[in-house]
Amino acid sequence: MPAAAPAGMPPVSTAARLKPLFEYVGATALTVIGPASGLRYRFDRPGARLAVDPRDRIALEAVPLLRARQDDQRRAAA
């Protein structure tokens, strides 16, 4: 059953609340702008991991030095 949504907002599915996790595997640092959300993702060091907006997932998967971490998805802040 979908989670209750605030008044005036449509319910959000469980899948939509999961945030994909990405790890930076480059040598320095990297900043990426999510094309769907407009959010700025700053990977400040090798091995840095960030949870990203699900709408940006496909675009970030195309960035050569980022790796999607399928084994460690995080829930969006409630």
PDB file of N, CA and C in Angstrom:
ATOM      1  N   MET A   1       0.841  -1.172   0.000  1.00  0.00           N
ATOM      2  CA  MET A   1       0.000   0.000   0.000  1.00  0.00           C
ATOM      3  C   MET A   1       0.886   1.235   0.000  1.00  0.00           C
ATOM      4  N   PRO A   2       0.606   2.235  -0.859  1.00  0.00           N
ATOM      5  CA  PRO A   2       1.432   3.437  -0.905  1.00  0.00           C
ATOM      6  C   PRO A   2       1.366   4.201   0.411  1.00  0.00           C
ATOM      7  N   ALA A   3       2.435   4.927   0.697  1.00  0.00           N
ATOM      8  CA  ALA A   3       2.477   5.740   1.902  1.00  0.00           C
ATOM      9  C   ALA A   3       1.477   6.878   1.786  1.00  0.00           C
ATOM     10  N   ALA A   4       0.995   7.327   2.927  1.00  0.00           N
ATOM     11  CA  ALA A   4       0.069   8.456   2.928  1.00  0.00           C
ATOM     12  C   ALA A   4       0.797   9.701   2.450  1.00  0.00           C
ATOM     13  N   ALA A   5       0.127  10.471   1.624  1.00  0.00           N
ATOM     14  CA  ALA A   5       0.717  11.697   1.088  1.00  0.00           C
ATOM     15  C   ALA A   5       0.122  12.896   1.808  1.00  0.00           C
ATOM     16  N   PRO A   6       0.890  13.992   1.888  1.00  0.00           N
ATOM     17  CA  PRO A   6       0.335  15.206   2.475  1.00  0.00           C
ATOM     18  C   PRO A   6      -0.887  15.650   1.689  1.00  0.00           C
ATOM     19  N   ALA A   7      -1.750  16.406   2.319  1.00  0.00           N
ATOM     20  CA  ALA A   7      -2.968  16.886   1.663  1.00  0.00           C
ATOM     21  C   ALA A   7      -2.614  17.584   0.353  1.00  0.00           C
ATOM     22  N   GLY A   8      -3.341  17.233  -0.691  1.00  0.00           N
ATOM     23  CA  GLY A   8      -3.127  17.850  -1.995  1.00  0.00           C
ATOM     24  C   GLY A   8      -2.029  17.220  -2.828  1.00  0.00           C
ATOM     25  N   MET A   9      -1.338  16.220  -2.290  1.00  0.00           N
ATOM     26  CA  MET A   9      -0.245  15.566  -3.007  1.00  0.00           C
ATOM     27  C   MET A   9      -0.648  14.136  -3.339  1.00  0.00           C
ATOM     28  N   PRO A  10      -0.258  13.647  -4.525  1.00  0.00           N
ATOM     29  CA  PRO A  10      -0.570  12.260  -4.859  1.00  0.00           C
ATOM     30  C   PRO A  10       0.285  11.308  -4.029  1.00  0.00           C
ATOM     31  N   PRO A  11      -0.200  10.069  -3.787  1.00  0.00           N
ATOM     32  CA  PRO A  11       0.608   9.107  -3.039  1.00  0.00           C
ATOM     33  C   PRO A  11       1.888   8.761  -3.786  1.00  0.00           C
ATOM     34  N   VAL A  12       2.918   8.457  -3.041  1.00  0.00           N
ATOM     35  CA  VAL A  12       4.222   8.114  -3.618  1.00  0.00           C
ATOM     36  C   VAL A  12       4.462   6.632  -3.401  1.00  0.00           C
ATOM     37  N   SER A  13       4.827   5.921  -4.453  1.00  0.00           N
ATOM     38  CA  SER A  13       5.081   4.488  -4.327  1.00  0.00           C
ATOM     39  C   SER A  13       6.384   4.239  -3.576  1.00  0.00           C
ATOM     40  N   THR A  14       6.533   3.042  -3.057  1.00  0.00           N
ATOM     41  CA  THR A  14       7.766   2.672  -2.357  1.00  0.00           C
ATOM     42  C   THR A  14       8.963   2.803  -3.280  1.00  0.00           C
ATOM     43  N   ALA A  15       8.827   2.371  -4.523  1.00  0.00           N
ATOM     44  CA  ALA A  15       9.944   2.453  -5.473  1.00  0.00           C
ATOM     45  C   ALA A  15      10.374   3.888  -5.693  1.00  0.00           C
ATOM     46  N   ALA A  16       9.448   4.818  -5.692  1.00  0.00           N
ATOM     47  CA  ALA A  16       9.792   6.221  -5.916  1.00  0.00           C
ATOM     48  C   ALA A  16      10.545   6.810  -4.725  1.00  0.00           C
ATOM     49  N   ARG A  17      10.378   6.233  -3.521  1.00  0.00           N
ATOM     50  CA  ARG A  17      11.084   6.746  -2.344  1.00  0.00           C
ATOM     51  C   ARG A  17      12.518   6.225  -2.250  1.00  0.00           C
ATOM     52  N   LEU A  18      12.850   5.189  -2.966  1.00  0.00           N
ATOM     53  CA  LEU A  18      14.213   4.665  -2.939  1.00  0.00           C
ATOM     54  C   LEU A  18      15.108   5.551  -3.777  1.00  0.00           C
ATOM     55  N   LYS A  19      16.227   5.930  -3.217  1.00  0.00           N
ATOM     56  CA  LYS A  19      17.168   6.777  -3.952  1.00  0.00           C
ATOM     57  C   LYS A  19      18.344   5.922  -4.416  1.00  0.00           C
ATOM     58  N   PRO A  20      18.637   5.951  -5.705  1.00  0.00           N
ATOM     59  CA  PRO A  20      19.797   5.216  -6.201  1.00  0.00           C
ATOM     60  C   PRO A  20      21.081   5.778  -5.588  1.00  0.00           C
ATOM     61  N   LEU A  21      22.019   4.914  -5.327  1.00  0.00           N
ATOM     62  CA  LEU A  21      23.298   5.302  -4.743  1.00  0.00           C
ATOM     63  C   LEU A  21      24.380   5.167  -5.806  1.00  0.00           C
ATOM     64  N   PHE A  22      25.212   6.201  -5.923  1.00  0.00           N
ATOM     65  CA  PHE A  22      26.312   6.183  -6.884  1.00  0.00           C
ATOM     66  C   PHE A  22      27.630   6.383  -6.169  1.00  0.00           C
ATOM     67  N   GLU A  23      28.680   5.725  -6.685  1.00  0.00           N
ATOM     68  CA  GLU A  23      30.030   5.848  -6.141  1.00  0.00           C
ATOM     69  C   GLU A  23      30.944   6.412  -7.224  1.00  0.00           C
ATOM     70  N   TYR A  24      31.777   7.375  -6.822  1.00  0.00           N
ATOM     71  CA  TYR A  24      32.751   7.987  -7.731  1.00  0.00           C
ATOM     72  C   TYR A  24      34.033   7.165  -7.704  1.00  0.00           C
ATOM     73  N   VAL A  25      34.522   6.767  -8.877  1.00  0.00           N
ATOM     74  CA  VAL A  25      35.726   5.934  -8.953  1.00  0.00           C
ATOM     75  C   VAL A  25      36.889   6.651  -9.638  1.00  0.00           C
ATOM     76  N   GLY A  26      36.798   7.968  -9.767  1.00  0.00           N
ATOM     77  CA  GLY A  26      37.866   8.752 -10.391  1.00  0.00           C
ATOM     78  C   GLY A  26      38.979   9.043  -9.407  1.00  0.00           C
ATOM     79  N   ALA A  27      39.901   9.926  -9.818  1.00  0.00           N
ATOM     80  CA  ALA A  27      41.098  10.203  -9.036  1.00  0.00           C
ATOM     81  C   ALA A  27      41.028  11.483  -8.214  1.00  0.00           C
ATOM     82  N   THR A  28      40.148  12.419  -8.559  1.00  0.00           N
ATOM     83  CA  THR A  28      40.132  13.706  -7.860  1.00  0.00           C
ATOM     84  C   THR A  28      38.752  13.962  -7.267  1.00  0.00           C
ATOM     85  N   ALA A  29      37.950  14.787  -7.916  1.00  0.00           N
ATOM     86  CA  ALA A  29      36.582  15.097  -7.486  1.00  0.00           C
ATOM     87  C   ALA A  29      35.736  15.296  -8.732  1.00  0.00           C
ATOM     88  N   LEU A  30      34.427  15.288  -8.558  1.00  0.00           N
ATOM     89  CA  LEU A  30      33.532  15.416  -9.703  1.00  0.00           C
ATOM     90  C   LEU A  30      32.234  16.074  -9.252  1.00  0.00           C
ATOM     91  N   THR A  31      31.750  17.009 -10.059  1.00  0.00           N
ATOM     92  CA  THR A  31      30.440  17.607  -9.839  1.00  0.00           C
ATOM     93  C   THR A  31      29.584  17.312 -11.055  1.00  0.00           C
ATOM     94  N   VAL A  32      28.373  16.838 -10.813  1.00  0.00           N
ATOM     95  CA  VAL A  32      27.431  16.500 -11.885  1.00  0.00           C
ATOM     96  C   VAL A  32      26.111  17.202 -11.575  1.00  0.00           C
ATOM     97  N   ILE A  33      25.489  17.761 -12.610  1.00  0.00           N
ATOM     98  CA  ILE A  33      24.161  18.354 -12.461  1.00  0.00           C
ATOM     99  C   ILE A  33      23.146  17.353 -12.997  1.00  0.00           C
ATOM    100  N   GLY A  34      22.182  16.987 -12.169  1.00  0.00           N
ATOM    101  CA  GLY A  34      21.138  16.056 -12.600  1.00  0.00           C
ATOM    102  C   GLY A  34      20.240  16.743 -13.623  1.00  0.00           C
ATOM    103  N   PRO A  35      20.159  16.213 -14.833  1.00  0.00           N
ATOM    104  CA  PRO A  35      19.380  16.878 -15.877  1.00  0.00           C
ATOM    105  C   PRO A  35      17.871  16.890 -15.623  1.00  0.00           C
ATOM    106  N   ALA A  36      17.360  15.933 -14.911  1.00  0.00           N
ATOM    107  CA  ALA A  36      15.920  15.887 -14.645  1.00  0.00           C
ATOM    108  C   ALA A  36      15.552  16.730 -13.426  1.00  0.00           C
ATOM    109  N   SER A  37      16.365  16.675 -12.392  1.00  0.00           N
ATOM    110  CA  SER A  37      16.042  17.362 -11.138  1.00  0.00           C
ATOM    111  C   SER A  37      16.676  18.741 -11.030  1.00  0.00           C
ATOM    112  N   GLY A  38      17.789  18.942 -11.735  1.00  0.00           N
ATOM    113  CA  GLY A  38      18.543  20.189 -11.603  1.00  0.00           C
ATOM    114  C   GLY A  38      19.423  20.213 -10.365  1.00  0.00           C
ATOM    115  N   LEU A  39      19.468  19.102  -9.621  1.00  0.00           N
ATOM    116  CA  LEU A  39      20.286  19.030  -8.412  1.00  0.00           C
ATOM    117  C   LEU A  39      21.768  18.914  -8.761  1.00  0.00           C
ATOM    118  N   ARG A  40      22.607  19.488  -7.913  1.00  0.00           N
ATOM    119  CA  ARG A  40      24.065  19.421  -8.073  1.00  0.00           C
ATOM    120  C   ARG A  40      24.590  18.323  -7.152  1.00  0.00           C
ATOM    121  N   TYR A  41      25.293  17.364  -7.734  1.00  0.00           N
ATOM    122  CA  TYR A  41      25.879  16.258  -6.973  1.00  0.00           C
ATOM    123  C   TYR A  41      27.392  16.452  -6.939  1.00  0.00           C
ATOM    124  N   ARG A  42      27.958  16.602  -5.748  1.00  0.00           N
ATOM    125  CA  ARG A  42      29.395  16.828  -5.587  1.00  0.00           C
ATOM    126  C   ARG A  42      30.026  15.585  -4.959  1.00  0.00           C
ATOM    127  N   PHE A  43      30.816  14.896  -5.764  1.00  0.00           N
ATOM    128  CA  PHE A  43      31.605  13.750  -5.295  1.00  0.00           C
ATOM    129  C   PHE A  43      32.982  14.331  -4.978  1.00  0.00           C
ATOM    130  N   ASP A  44      33.294  14.527  -3.700  1.00  0.00           N
ATOM    131  CA  ASP A  44      34.472  15.307  -3.313  1.00  0.00           C
ATOM    132  C   ASP A  44      35.780  14.533  -3.229  1.00  0.00           C
ATOM    133  N   ARG A  45      35.713  13.223  -3.397  1.00  0.00           N
ATOM    134  CA  ARG A  45      36.947  12.411  -3.314  1.00  0.00           C
ATOM    135  C   ARG A  45      36.699  11.050  -3.947  1.00  0.00           C
ATOM    136  N   PRO A  46      37.758  10.343  -4.296  1.00  0.00           N
ATOM    137  CA  PRO A  46      37.584   8.976  -4.797  1.00  0.00           C
ATOM    138  C   PRO A  46      36.863   8.126  -3.753  1.00  0.00           C
ATOM    139  N   GLY A  47      35.883   7.341  -4.195  1.00  0.00           N
ATOM    140  CA  GLY A  47      35.128   6.482  -3.300  1.00  0.00           C
ATOM    141  C   GLY A  47      33.908   7.149  -2.686  1.00  0.00           C
ATOM    142  N   ALA A  48      33.725   8.445  -2.951  1.00  0.00           N
ATOM    143  CA  ALA A  48      32.557   9.151  -2.397  1.00  0.00           C
ATOM    144  C   ALA A  48      31.281   8.527  -2.940  1.00  0.00           C
ATOM    145  N   ARG A  49      30.277   8.407  -2.060  1.00  0.00           N
ATOM    146  CA  ARG A  49      28.981   7.854  -2.451  1.00  0.00           C
ATOM    147  C   ARG A  49      27.888   8.873  -2.145  1.00  0.00           C
ATOM    148  N   LEU A  50      26.945   8.992  -3.069  1.00  0.00           N
ATOM    149  CA  LEU A  50      25.814   9.888  -2.883  1.00  0.00           C
ATOM    150  C   LEU A  50      24.526   9.218  -3.329  1.00  0.00           C
ATOM    151  N   ALA A  51      23.457   9.466  -2.589  1.00  0.00           N
ATOM    152  CA  ALA A  51      22.126   9.061  -3.012  1.00  0.00           C
ATOM    153  C   ALA A  51      21.606  10.150  -3.942  1.00  0.00           C
ATOM    154  N   VAL A  52      21.023   9.757  -5.063  1.00  0.00           N
ATOM    155  CA  VAL A  52      20.586  10.731  -6.062  1.00  0.00           C
ATOM    156  C   VAL A  52      19.085  10.624  -6.310  1.00  0.00           C
ATOM    157  N   ASP A  53      18.545  11.669  -6.890  1.00  0.00           N
ATOM    158  CA  ASP A  53      17.137  11.676  -7.262  1.00  0.00           C
ATOM    159  C   ASP A  53      16.906  10.568  -8.293  1.00  0.00           C
ATOM    160  N   PRO A  54      15.885   9.739  -8.125  1.00  0.00           N
ATOM    161  CA  PRO A  54      15.641   8.646  -9.076  1.00  0.00           C
ATOM    162  C   PRO A  54      15.479   9.115 -10.524  1.00  0.00           C
ATOM    163  N   ARG A  55      15.015  10.335 -10.718  1.00  0.00           N
ATOM    164  CA  ARG A  55      14.848  10.857 -12.085  1.00  0.00           C
ATOM    165  C   ARG A  55      16.185  11.083 -12.786  1.00  0.00           C
ATOM    166  N   ASP A  56      17.276  11.214 -12.035  1.00  0.00           N
ATOM    167  CA  ASP A  56      18.602  11.457 -12.616  1.00  0.00           C
ATOM    168  C   ASP A  56      19.389  10.173 -12.846  1.00  0.00           C
ATOM    169  N   ARG A  57      18.867   9.049 -12.420  1.00  0.00           N
ATOM    170  CA  ARG A  57      19.607   7.790 -12.451  1.00  0.00           C
ATOM    171  C   ARG A  57      20.174   7.442 -13.834  1.00  0.00           C
ATOM    172  N   ILE A  58      19.347   7.469 -14.861  1.00  0.00           N
ATOM    173  CA  ILE A  58      19.797   7.061 -16.197  1.00  0.00           C
ATOM    174  C   ILE A  58      20.942   7.942 -16.671  1.00  0.00           C
ATOM    175  N   ALA A  59      20.834   9.244 -16.460  1.00  0.00           N
ATOM    176  CA  ALA A  59      21.896  10.158 -16.894  1.00  0.00           C
ATOM    177  C   ALA A  59      23.193   9.899 -16.134  1.00  0.00           C
ATOM    178  N   LEU A  60      23.109   9.685 -14.821  1.00  0.00           N
ATOM    179  CA  LEU A  60      24.324   9.447 -14.047  1.00  0.00           C
ATOM    180  C   LEU A  60      24.960   8.101 -14.373  1.00  0.00           C
ATOM    181  N   GLU A  61      24.153   7.136 -14.790  1.00  0.00           N
ATOM    182  CA  GLU A  61      24.726   5.848 -15.205  1.00  0.00           C
ATOM    183  C   GLU A  61      25.593   5.999 -16.455  1.00  0.00           C
ATOM    184  N   ALA A  62      25.389   7.067 -17.227  1.00  0.00           N
ATOM    185  CA  ALA A  62      26.175   7.309 -18.440  1.00  0.00           C
ATOM    186  C   ALA A  62      27.492   8.025 -18.155  1.00  0.00           C
ATOM    187  N   VAL A  63      27.710   8.495 -16.930  1.00  0.00           N
ATOM    188  CA  VAL A  63      28.955   9.184 -16.566  1.00  0.00           C
ATOM    189  C   VAL A  63      30.022   8.123 -16.326  1.00  0.00           C
ATOM    190  N   PRO A  64      31.124   8.170 -17.105  1.00  0.00           N
ATOM    191  CA  PRO A  64      32.121   7.090 -17.040  1.00  0.00           C
ATOM    192  C   PRO A  64      32.717   6.802 -15.662  1.00  0.00           C
ATOM    193  N   LEU A  65      32.890   7.789 -14.810  1.00  0.00           N
ATOM    194  CA  LEU A  65      33.555   7.564 -13.528  1.00  0.00           C
ATOM    195  C   LEU A  65      32.593   7.375 -12.353  1.00  0.00           C
ATOM    196  N   LEU A  66      31.314   7.186 -12.658  1.00  0.00           N
ATOM    197  CA  LEU A  66      30.328   6.897 -11.616  1.00  0.00           C
ATOM    198  C   LEU A  66      29.829   5.473 -11.766  1.00  0.00           C
ATOM    199  N   ARG A  67      29.635   4.800 -10.646  1.00  0.00           N
ATOM    200  CA  ARG A  67      29.122   3.435 -10.633  1.00  0.00           C
ATOM    201  C   ARG A  67      27.863   3.374  -9.778  1.00  0.00           C
ATOM    202  N   ALA A  68      26.810   2.839 -10.335  1.00  0.00           N
ATOM    203  CA  ALA A  68      25.584   2.627  -9.564  1.00  0.00           C
ATOM    204  C   ALA A  68      25.834   1.503  -8.578  1.00  0.00           C
ATOM    205  N   ARG A  69      25.427   1.698  -7.348  1.00  0.00           N
ATOM    206  CA  ARG A  69      25.591   0.690  -6.303  1.00  0.00           C
ATOM    207  C   ARG A  69      24.246   0.037  -6.064  1.00  0.00           C
ATOM    208  N   GLN A  70      23.992  -1.064  -6.730  1.00  0.00           N
ATOM    209  CA  GLN A  70      22.700  -1.768  -6.637  1.00  0.00           C
ATOM    210  C   GLN A  70      22.502  -2.377  -5.241  1.00  0.00           C
ATOM    211  N   ASP A  71      23.563  -2.672  -4.554  1.00  0.00           N
ATOM    212  CA  ASP A  71      23.487  -3.384  -3.278  1.00  0.00           C
ATOM    213  C   ASP A  71      23.226  -2.479  -2.083  1.00  0.00           C
ATOM    214  N   ASP A  72      23.126  -1.176  -2.276  1.00  0.00           N
ATOM    215  CA  ASP A  72      23.063  -0.287  -1.126  1.00  0.00           C
ATOM    216  C   ASP A  72      22.172   0.920  -1.396  1.00  0.00           C
ATOM    217  N   GLN A  73      20.898   0.686  -1.714  1.00  0.00           N
ATOM    218  CA  GLN A  73      19.997   1.804  -1.948  1.00  0.00           C
ATOM    219  C   GLN A  73      19.560   2.401  -0.626  1.00  0.00           C
ATOM    220  N   ARG A  74      19.357   3.702  -0.624  1.00  0.00           N
ATOM    221  CA  ARG A  74      18.931   4.394   0.579  1.00  0.00           C
ATOM    222  C   ARG A  74      17.522   4.921   0.414  1.00  0.00           C
ATOM    223  N   ARG A  75      16.819   5.055   1.487  1.00  0.00           N
ATOM    224  CA  ARG A  75      15.481   5.631   1.451  1.00  0.00           C
ATOM    225  C   ARG A  75      15.593   7.148   1.520  1.00  0.00           C
ATOM    226  N   ALA A  76      14.726   7.785   0.794  1.00  0.00           N
ATOM    227  CA  ALA A  76      14.670   9.245   0.811  1.00  0.00           C
ATOM    228  C   ALA A  76      14.294   9.721   2.214  1.00  0.00           C
ATOM    229  N   ALA A  77      14.748  10.875   2.563  1.00  0.00           N
ATOM    230  CA  ALA A  77      14.389  11.435   3.869  1.00  0.00           C
ATOM    231  C   ALA A  77      12.879  11.690   3.915  1.00  0.00           C
ATOM    232  N   ALA A  78      12.268  11.268   4.974  1.00  0.00           N
ATOM    233  CA  ALA A  78      10.807  11.430   5.090  1.00  0.00           C
ATOM    234  C   ALA A  78      10.456  12.759   5.692  1.00  0.00           C
TER     235      ALA A  78
END
